[in-house]
Amino acid sequence: MQILVNGVARTVSEGMPLLELFASLGLKPESTVVEHNAVVIERERFAGLTLTEGDALELVRFVGGG
């Protein structure tokens, strides 16, 4: 199925859990903010979110440094 991740089309498995997408992208849930179909998702809900055809995600990572 097709979804958008940060404006880029991506093919993923039907019903892919959000946390599986994180793993495939090498992202850590604890340092990522997710906007799912224009709604910011609370981190506590990541584990229960399953992706569907046409979903649009914006993923923003926090990066520290100095």
PDB file of N, CA and C in Angstrom:
ATOM      1  N   MET A   1       0.844  -1.173   0.000  1.00  0.00           N
ATOM      2  CA  MET A   1       0.000   0.000   0.000  1.00  0.00           C
ATOM      3  C   MET A   1       0.889   1.235   0.000  1.00  0.00           C
ATOM      4  N   GLN A   2       0.320   2.357  -0.376  1.00  0.00           N
ATOM      5  CA  GLN A   2       1.071   3.610  -0.479  1.00  0.00           C
ATOM      6  C   GLN A   2       0.713   4.545   0.670  1.00  0.00           C
ATOM      7  N   ILE A   3       1.741   5.127   1.274  1.00  0.00           N
ATOM      8  CA  ILE A   3       1.578   6.185   2.272  1.00  0.00           C
ATOM      9  C   ILE A   3       2.554   7.300   1.915  1.00  0.00           C
ATOM     10  N   LEU A   4       2.401   8.429   2.563  1.00  0.00           N
ATOM     11  CA  LEU A   4       3.360   9.527   2.418  1.00  0.00           C
ATOM     12  C   LEU A   4       4.111   9.690   3.725  1.00  0.00           C
ATOM     13  N   VAL A   5       5.428   9.770   3.629  1.00  0.00           N
ATOM     14  CA  VAL A   5       6.271  10.017   4.791  1.00  0.00           C
ATOM     15  C   VAL A   5       7.092  11.263   4.500  1.00  0.00           C
ATOM     16  N   ASN A   6       6.817  12.319   5.232  1.00  0.00           N
ATOM     17  CA  ASN A   6       7.475  13.611   5.008  1.00  0.00           C
ATOM     18  C   ASN A   6       7.383  14.038   3.546  1.00  0.00           C
ATOM     19  N   GLY A   7       6.191  13.831   2.961  1.00  0.00           N
ATOM     20  CA  GLY A   7       5.921  14.272   1.595  1.00  0.00           C
ATOM     21  C   GLY A   7       6.410  13.345   0.504  1.00  0.00           C
ATOM     22  N   VAL A   8       7.012  12.226   0.856  1.00  0.00           N
ATOM     23  CA  VAL A   8       7.554  11.286  -0.124  1.00  0.00           C
ATOM     24  C   VAL A   8       6.727  10.002  -0.099  1.00  0.00           C
ATOM     25  N   ALA A   9       6.272   9.559  -1.289  1.00  0.00           N
ATOM     26  CA  ALA A   9       5.498   8.320  -1.377  1.00  0.00           C
ATOM     27  C   ALA A   9       6.377   7.139  -0.981  1.00  0.00           C
ATOM     28  N   ARG A  10       5.783   6.227  -0.222  1.00  0.00           N
ATOM     29  CA  ARG A  10       6.509   5.043   0.235  1.00  0.00           C
ATOM     30  C   ARG A  10       5.549   3.867   0.196  1.00  0.00           C
ATOM     31  N   THR A  11       6.034   2.736  -0.284  1.00  0.00           N
ATOM     32  CA  THR A  11       5.249   1.514  -0.293  1.00  0.00           C
ATOM     33  C   THR A  11       5.581   0.721   0.965  1.00  0.00           C
ATOM     34  N   VAL A  12       4.540   0.356   1.710  1.00  0.00           N
ATOM     35  CA  VAL A  12       4.709  -0.414   2.945  1.00  0.00           C
ATOM     36  C   VAL A  12       3.719  -1.576   2.934  1.00  0.00           C
ATOM     37  N   SER A  13       3.914  -2.505   3.848  1.00  0.00           N
ATOM     38  CA  SER A  13       3.016  -3.653   3.981  1.00  0.00           C
ATOM     39  C   SER A  13       1.638  -3.196   4.433  1.00  0.00           C
ATOM     40  N   GLU A  14       0.612  -3.888   3.963  1.00  0.00           N
ATOM     41  CA  GLU A  14      -0.761  -3.616   4.386  1.00  0.00           C
ATOM     42  C   GLU A  14      -0.867  -3.759   5.896  1.00  0.00           C
ATOM     43  N   GLY A  15      -1.434  -2.749   6.558  1.00  0.00           N
ATOM     44  CA  GLY A  15      -1.631  -2.811   8.001  1.00  0.00           C
ATOM     45  C   GLY A  15      -0.364  -2.707   8.828  1.00  0.00           C
ATOM     46  N   MET A  16       0.687  -2.105   8.270  1.00  0.00           N
ATOM     47  CA  MET A  16       1.955  -1.995   8.994  1.00  0.00           C
ATOM     48  C   MET A  16       1.782  -1.164  10.268  1.00  0.00           C
ATOM     49  N   PRO A  17       2.254  -1.675  11.404  1.00  0.00           N
ATOM     50  CA  PRO A  17       2.239  -0.872  12.631  1.00  0.00           C
ATOM     51  C   PRO A  17       3.239   0.286  12.527  1.00  0.00           C
ATOM     52  N   LEU A  18       2.905   1.401  13.147  1.00  0.00           N
ATOM     53  CA  LEU A  18       3.796   2.555  13.123  1.00  0.00           C
ATOM     54  C   LEU A  18       5.177   2.196  13.649  1.00  0.00           C
ATOM     55  N   LEU A  19       5.249   1.411  14.719  1.00  0.00           N
ATOM     56  CA  LEU A  19       6.552   1.070  15.295  1.00  0.00           C
ATOM     57  C   LEU A  19       7.395   0.230  14.331  1.00  0.00           C
ATOM     58  N   GLU A  20       6.759  -0.555  13.481  1.00  0.00           N
ATOM     59  CA  GLU A  20       7.501  -1.312  12.465  1.00  0.00           C
ATOM     60  C   GLU A  20       8.074  -0.361  11.418  1.00  0.00           C
ATOM     61  N   LEU A  21       7.312   0.672  11.066  1.00  0.00           N
ATOM     62  CA  LEU A  21       7.828   1.686  10.138  1.00  0.00           C
ATOM     63  C   LEU A  21       9.037   2.383  10.750  1.00  0.00           C
ATOM     64  N   PHE A  22       8.946   2.738  12.045  1.00  0.00           N
ATOM     65  CA  PHE A  22      10.088   3.346  12.719  1.00  0.00           C
ATOM     66  C   PHE A  22      11.326   2.460  12.577  1.00  0.00           C
ATOM     67  N   ALA A  23      11.163   1.177  12.858  1.00  0.00           N
ATOM     68  CA  ALA A  23      12.292   0.243  12.785  1.00  0.00           C
ATOM     69  C   ALA A  23      12.878   0.213  11.382  1.00  0.00           C
ATOM     70  N   SER A  24      12.017   0.198  10.367  1.00  0.00           N
ATOM     71  CA  SER A  24      12.507   0.125   8.982  1.00  0.00           C
ATOM     72  C   SER A  24      13.242   1.392   8.570  1.00  0.00           C
ATOM     73  N   LEU A  25      12.913   2.515   9.222  1.00  0.00           N
ATOM     74  CA  LEU A  25      13.562   3.791   8.917  1.00  0.00           C
ATOM     75  C   LEU A  25      14.728   4.098   9.862  1.00  0.00           C
ATOM     76  N   GLY A  26      14.951   3.219  10.842  1.00  0.00           N
ATOM     77  CA  GLY A  26      16.029   3.440  11.802  1.00  0.00           C
ATOM     78  C   GLY A  26      15.740   4.562  12.781  1.00  0.00           C
ATOM     79  N   LEU A  27      14.451   4.796  13.070  1.00  0.00           N
ATOM     80  CA  LEU A  27      14.066   5.867  13.986  1.00  0.00           C
ATOM     81  C   LEU A  27      13.749   5.316  15.362  1.00  0.00           C
ATOM     82  N   LYS A  28      14.015   6.119  16.378  1.00  0.00           N
ATOM     83  CA  LYS A  28      13.699   5.751  17.754  1.00  0.00           C
ATOM     84  C   LYS A  28      12.406   6.467  18.159  1.00  0.00           C
ATOM     85  N   PRO A  29      11.405   5.726  18.598  1.00  0.00           N
ATOM     86  CA  PRO A  29      10.130   6.352  18.970  1.00  0.00           C
ATOM     87  C   PRO A  29      10.272   7.421  20.060  1.00  0.00           C
ATOM     88  N   GLU A  30      11.195   7.223  20.983  1.00  0.00           N
ATOM     89  CA  GLU A  30      11.328   8.162  22.093  1.00  0.00           C
ATOM     90  C   GLU A  30      11.885   9.523  21.677  1.00  0.00           C
ATOM     91  N   SER A  31      12.447   9.619  20.468  1.00  0.00           N
ATOM     92  CA  SER A  31      12.983  10.904  20.018  1.00  0.00           C
ATOM     93  C   SER A  31      12.332  11.373  18.717  1.00  0.00           C
ATOM     94  N   THR A  32      11.111  10.883  18.451  1.00  0.00           N
ATOM     95  CA  THR A  32      10.418  11.236  17.213  1.00  0.00           C
ATOM     96  C   THR A  32       9.029  11.769  17.523  1.00  0.00           C
ATOM     97  N   VAL A  33       8.663  12.853  16.845  1.00  0.00           N
ATOM     98  CA  VAL A  33       7.308  13.399  16.916  1.00  0.00           C
ATOM     99  C   VAL A  33       6.598  12.981  15.638  1.00  0.00           C
ATOM    100  N   VAL A  34       5.329  12.557  15.780  1.00  0.00           N
ATOM    101  CA  VAL A  34       4.568  12.053  14.631  1.00  0.00           C
ATOM    102  C   VAL A  34       3.308  12.881  14.434  1.00  0.00           C
ATOM    103  N   GLU A  35       3.132  13.348  13.194  1.00  0.00           N
ATOM    104  CA  GLU A  35       1.871  13.928  12.770  1.00  0.00           C
ATOM    105  C   GLU A  35       1.271  12.935  11.793  1.00  0.00           C
ATOM    106  N   HIS A  36       0.092  12.431  12.120  1.00  0.00           N
ATOM    107  CA  HIS A  36      -0.586  11.403  11.319  1.00  0.00           C
ATOM    108  C   HIS A  36      -1.865  12.019  10.768  1.00  0.00           C
ATOM    109  N   ASN A  37      -1.905  12.192   9.450  1.00  0.00           N
ATOM    110  CA  ASN A  37      -3.075  12.803   8.801  1.00  0.00           C
ATOM    111  C   ASN A  37      -3.453  14.131   9.468  1.00  0.00           C
ATOM    112  N   ALA A  38      -2.439  14.973   9.664  1.00  0.00           N
ATOM    113  CA  ALA A  38      -2.572  16.341  10.179  1.00  0.00           C
ATOM    114  C   ALA A  38      -2.909  16.415  11.674  1.00  0.00           C
ATOM    115  N   VAL A  39      -2.759  15.305  12.399  1.00  0.00           N
ATOM    116  CA  VAL A  39      -3.008  15.290  13.844  1.00  0.00           C
ATOM    117  C   VAL A  39      -1.749  14.785  14.543  1.00  0.00           C
ATOM    118  N   VAL A  40      -1.243  15.549  15.508  1.00  0.00           N
ATOM    119  CA  VAL A  40      -0.077  15.116  16.266  1.00  0.00           C
ATOM    120  C   VAL A  40      -0.499  13.959  17.173  1.00  0.00           C
ATOM    121  N   ILE A  41       0.282  12.879  17.135  1.00  0.00           N
ATOM    122  CA  ILE A  41      -0.026  11.669  17.892  1.00  0.00           C
ATOM    123  C   ILE A  41       0.814  11.635  19.170  1.00  0.00           C
ATOM    124  N   GLU A  42       0.167  11.391  20.292  1.00  0.00           N
ATOM    125  CA  GLU A  42       0.890  11.260  21.556  1.00  0.00           C
ATOM    126  C   GLU A  42       1.719   9.981  21.527  1.00  0.00           C
ATOM    127  N   ARG A  43       2.902  10.050  22.084  1.00  0.00           N
ATOM    128  CA  ARG A  43       3.835   8.920  22.075  1.00  0.00           C
ATOM    129  C   ARG A  43       3.200   7.643  22.645  1.00  0.00           C
ATOM    130  N   GLU A  44       2.325   7.783  23.628  1.00  0.00           N
ATOM    131  CA  GLU A  44       1.669   6.626  24.235  1.00  0.00           C
ATOM    132  C   GLU A  44       0.797   5.859  23.242  1.00  0.00           C
ATOM    133  N   ARG A  45       0.400   6.519  22.150  1.00  0.00           N
ATOM    134  CA  ARG A  45      -0.469   5.885  21.149  1.00  0.00           C
ATOM    135  C   ARG A  45       0.307   5.249  19.996  1.00  0.00           C
ATOM    136  N   PHE A  46       1.627   5.419  19.953  1.00  0.00           N
ATOM    137  CA  PHE A  46       2.420   4.876  18.842  1.00  0.00           C
ATOM    138  C   PHE A  46       2.208   3.379  18.674  1.00  0.00           C
ATOM    139  N   ALA A  47       2.244   2.626  19.771  1.00  0.00           N
ATOM    140  CA  ALA A  47       2.168   1.167  19.697  1.00  0.00           C
ATOM    141  C   ALA A  47       0.842   0.682  19.114  1.00  0.00           C
ATOM    142  N   GLY A  48      -0.231   1.438  19.274  1.00  0.00           N
ATOM    143  CA  GLY A  48      -1.537   1.011  18.788  1.00  0.00           C
ATOM    144  C   GLY A  48      -1.899   1.521  17.408  1.00  0.00           C
ATOM    145  N   LEU A  49      -1.011   2.291  16.781  1.00  0.00           N
ATOM    146  CA  LEU A  49      -1.336   2.888  15.481  1.00  0.00           C
ATOM    147  C   LEU A  49      -0.929   1.972  14.339  1.00  0.00           C
ATOM    148  N   THR A  50      -1.905   1.615  13.514  1.00  0.00           N
ATOM    149  CA  THR A  50      -1.673   0.801  12.328  1.00  0.00           C
ATOM    150  C   THR A  50      -1.909   1.679  11.106  1.00  0.00           C
ATOM    151  N   LEU A  51      -1.006   1.620  10.161  1.00  0.00           N
ATOM    152  CA  LEU A  51      -1.097   2.456   8.971  1.00  0.00           C
ATOM    153  C   LEU A  51      -2.096   1.890   7.963  1.00  0.00           C
ATOM    154  N   THR A  52      -2.752   2.797   7.236  1.00  0.00           N
ATOM    155  CA  THR A  52      -3.694   2.404   6.192  1.00  0.00           C
ATOM    156  C   THR A  52      -3.372   3.147   4.902  1.00  0.00           C
ATOM    157  N   GLU A  53      -3.891   2.640   3.807  1.00  0.00           N
ATOM    158  CA  GLU A  53      -3.672   3.211   2.477  1.00  0.00           C
ATOM    159  C   GLU A  53      -3.927   4.721   2.494  1.00  0.00           C
ATOM    160  N   GLY A  54      -2.961   5.475   1.960  1.00  0.00           N
ATOM    161  CA  GLY A  54      -3.120   6.912   1.808  1.00  0.00           C
ATOM    162  C   GLY A  54      -2.775   7.745   3.030  1.00  0.00           C
ATOM    163  N   ASP A  55      -2.370   7.115   4.132  1.00  0.00           N
ATOM    164  CA  ASP A  55      -1.982   7.883   5.312  1.00  0.00           C
ATOM    165  C   ASP A  55      -0.846   8.840   4.964  1.00  0.00           C
ATOM    166  N   ALA A  56      -0.851   9.987   5.631  1.00  0.00           N
ATOM    167  CA  ALA A  56       0.230  10.964   5.477  1.00  0.00           C
ATOM    168  C   ALA A  56       0.870  11.177   6.846  1.00  0.00           C
ATOM    169  N   LEU A  57       2.166  10.934   6.904  1.00  0.00           N
ATOM    170  CA  LEU A  57       2.927  11.080   8.140  1.00  0.00           C
ATOM    171  C   LEU A  57       3.983  12.154   7.976  1.00  0.00           C
ATOM    172  N   GLU A  58       4.142  12.951   9.015  1.00  0.00           N
ATOM    173  CA  GLU A  58       5.291  13.837   9.120  1.00  0.00           C
ATOM    174  C   GLU A  58       6.042  13.361  10.348  1.00  0.00           C
ATOM    175  N   LEU A  59       7.299  12.998  10.165  1.00  0.00           N
ATOM    176  CA  LEU A  59       8.129  12.489  11.246  1.00  0.00           C
ATOM    177  C   LEU A  59       9.253  13.489  11.501  1.00  0.00           C
ATOM    178  N   VAL A  60       9.348  13.933  12.730  1.00  0.00           N
ATOM    179  CA  VAL A  60      10.381  14.919  13.103  1.00  0.00           C
ATOM    180  C   VAL A  60      11.190  14.324  14.237  1.00  0.00           C
ATOM    181  N   ARG A  61      12.520  14.288  14.065  1.00  0.00           N
ATOM    182  CA  ARG A  61      13.414  13.753  15.098  1.00  0.00           C
ATOM    183  C   ARG A  61      14.066  14.878  15.853  1.00  0.00           C
ATOM    184  N   PHE A  62      14.222  14.651  17.157  1.00  0.00           N
ATOM    185  CA  PHE A  62      14.979  15.581  17.985  1.00  0.00           C
ATOM    186  C   PHE A  62      16.450  15.173  17.936  1.00  0.00           C
ATOM    187  N   VAL A  63      17.306  16.137  17.672  1.00  0.00           N
ATOM    188  CA  VAL A  63      18.731  15.878  17.608  1.00  0.00           C
ATOM    189  C   VAL A  63      19.425  16.841  18.562  1.00  0.00           C
ATOM    190  N   GLY A  64      20.232  16.304  19.449  1.00  0.00           N
ATOM    191  CA  GLY A  64      20.961  17.141  20.388  1.00  0.00           C
ATOM    192  C   GLY A  64      22.403  17.337  19.930  1.00  0.00           C
ATOM    193  N   GLY A  65      23.006  18.289  20.464  1.00  0.00           N
ATOM    194  CA  GLY A  65      24.409  18.528  20.120  1.00  0.00           C
ATOM    195  C   GLY A  65      24.827  19.899  20.616  1.00  0.00           C
ATOM    196  N   GLY A  66      26.062  20.163  20.359  1.00  0.00           N
ATOM    197  CA  GLY A  66      26.508  21.461  20.834  1.00  0.00           C
ATOM    198  C   GLY A  66      27.862  21.797  20.325  1.00  0.00           C
TER     199      GLY A  66
END
